[in-house]
C-alpha atoms as a PDB file:
ATOM      1  CA  MET A   1      -0.006  -0.063   0.001  1.00  0.00           C
ATOM      2  CA  THR A   2       1.468   3.366  -1.062  1.00  0.00           C
ATOM      3  CA  TYR A   3       0.395   5.270   1.968  1.00  0.00           C
ATOM      4  CA  THR A   4       2.588   3.171   4.199  1.00  0.00           C
ATOM      5  CA  LYS A   5       5.626   4.543   2.456  1.00  0.00           C
ATOM      6  CA  LEU A   6       4.641   8.133   3.275  1.00  0.00           C
ATOM      7  CA  ASP A   7       6.493  10.062   5.972  1.00  0.00           C
ATOM      8  CA  LYS A   8       4.752   9.555   9.359  1.00  0.00           C
ATOM      9  CA  LYS A   9       3.785  13.259   9.627  1.00  0.00           C
ATOM     10  CA  TYR A  10       1.911  12.973   6.369  1.00  0.00           C
ATOM     11  CA  ALA A  11       0.519   9.467   6.715  1.00  0.00           C
ATOM     12  CA  LYS A  12      -1.538  10.069   9.857  1.00  0.00           C
ATOM     13  CA  PRO A  13      -3.427  13.056   8.412  1.00  0.00           C
ATOM     14  CA  VAL A  14      -4.073  11.331   5.129  1.00  0.00           C
ATOM     15  CA  VAL A  15      -5.361   8.112   6.743  1.00  0.00           C
ATOM     16  CA  SER A  16      -7.550  10.236   9.120  1.00  0.00           C
ATOM     17  CA  LEU A  17      -8.900  12.335   6.225  1.00  0.00           C
ATOM     18  CA  VAL A  18      -9.928   9.321   4.243  1.00  0.00           C
ATOM     19  CA  PHE A  19     -11.504   7.611   7.227  1.00  0.00           C
ATOM     20  CA  PHE A  20     -13.516  10.685   8.236  1.00  0.00           C
ATOM     21  CA  SER A  21     -14.625  11.408   4.658  1.00  0.00           C
ATOM     22  CA  VAL A  22     -16.029   7.843   4.311  1.00  0.00           C
ATOM     23  CA  PHE A  23     -17.570   8.256   7.741  1.00  0.00           C
ATOM     24  CA  LEU A  24     -19.312  11.509   6.697  1.00  0.00           C
ATOM     25  CA  LEU A  25     -20.496   9.837   3.504  1.00  0.00           C
ATOM     26  CA  ALA A  26     -22.044   7.012   5.493  1.00  0.00           C
ATOM     27  CA  LEU A  27     -23.869   9.660   7.684  1.00  0.00           C
ATOM     28  CA  VAL A  28     -25.242  11.398   4.542  1.00  0.00           C
ATOM     29  CA  ASN A  29     -26.408   8.069   3.129  1.00  0.00           C
ATOM     30  CA  THR A  30     -30.175   8.124   3.725  1.00  0.00           C
ATOM     31  CA  ALA A  31     -33.091   6.405   2.076  1.00  0.00           C
ATOM     32  CA  ASN A  32     -33.812   9.475  -0.069  1.00  0.00           C
ATOM     33  CA  ASN A  33     -30.202  10.290  -0.805  1.00  0.00           C
ATOM     34  CA  LEU A  34     -28.200   7.177  -1.707  1.00  0.00           C
ATOM     35  CA  THR A  35     -24.856   8.895  -1.829  1.00  0.00           C
ATOM     36  CA  LEU A  36     -22.774   5.728  -1.195  1.00  0.00           C
ATOM     37  CA  VAL A  37     -24.650   3.633  -3.835  1.00  0.00           C
ATOM     38  CA  SER A  38     -23.890   6.238  -6.466  1.00  0.00           C
ATOM     39  CA  LEU A  39     -20.240   6.642  -5.380  1.00  0.00           C
ATOM     40  CA  TRP A  40     -19.571   2.855  -5.325  1.00  0.00           C
ATOM     41  CA  GLY A  41     -21.308   2.583  -8.782  1.00  0.00           C
ATOM     42  CA  VAL A  42     -18.915   5.090 -10.212  1.00  0.00           C
ATOM     43  CA  ILE A  43     -15.834   3.507  -8.438  1.00  0.00           C
ATOM     44  CA  GLY A  44     -16.914   0.002  -9.490  1.00  0.00           C
ATOM     45  CA  SER A  45     -17.356   0.983 -13.061  1.00  0.00           C
ATOM     46  CA  ILE A  46     -13.798   2.251 -13.146  1.00  0.00           C
ATOM     47  CA  VAL A  47     -11.964  -0.154 -10.968  1.00  0.00           C
ATOM     48  CA  CYS A  48     -13.473  -3.444 -12.101  1.00  0.00           C
ATOM     49  CA  PRO A  49     -12.278  -3.072 -15.769  1.00  0.00           C
ATOM     50  CA  LEU A  50      -8.934  -1.987 -14.471  1.00  0.00           C
ATOM     51  CA  ILE A  51      -8.596  -5.090 -12.391  1.00  0.00           C
ATOM     52  CA  VAL A  52      -9.582  -7.307 -15.227  1.00  0.00           C
ATOM     53  CA  THR A  53      -7.378  -5.671 -17.961  1.00  0.00           C
ATOM     54  CA  VAL A  54      -4.428  -3.899 -16.250  1.00  0.00           C
ATOM     55  CA  LEU A  55      -3.430  -6.216 -13.441  1.00  0.00           C
ATOM     56  CA  PRO A  56      -2.950  -9.433 -15.461  1.00  0.00           C
ATOM     57  CA  GLY A  57      -0.854  -7.557 -18.091  1.00  0.00           C
ATOM     58  CA  SER A  58       1.287  -5.872 -15.469  1.00  0.00           C
ATOM     59  CA  PHE A  59       1.719  -9.242 -13.661  1.00  0.00           C
ATOM     60  CA  PHE A  60       2.981 -10.928 -16.811  1.00  0.00           C
ATOM     61  CA  TYR A  61       5.219  -7.925 -17.659  1.00  0.00           C
ATOM     62  CA  TYR A  62       7.002  -8.207 -14.329  1.00  0.00           C
ATOM     63  CA  ILE A  63       7.274 -12.061 -14.596  1.00  0.00           C
ATOM     64  CA  MET A  64       8.589 -12.018 -18.169  1.00  0.00           C
ATOM     65  CA  LYS A  65      10.986  -9.121 -17.381  1.00  0.00           C
ATOM     66  CA  GLU A  66      12.885 -11.442 -15.058  1.00  0.00           C
END
């Protein structure tokens, strides 16, 4: 995970900011305003194709490089 390589004085605020932003989004998520459903829909539509197409190619690239 890339945030573990950050300097400690930057890592703690970044992790806290991500945690509290997800926490606030969870509080805003009501029956009328499905914020998290929309957010995860957008993230899933971007990340799932990336996992299927990019990760296998990069894996074979690193294996074949050695």
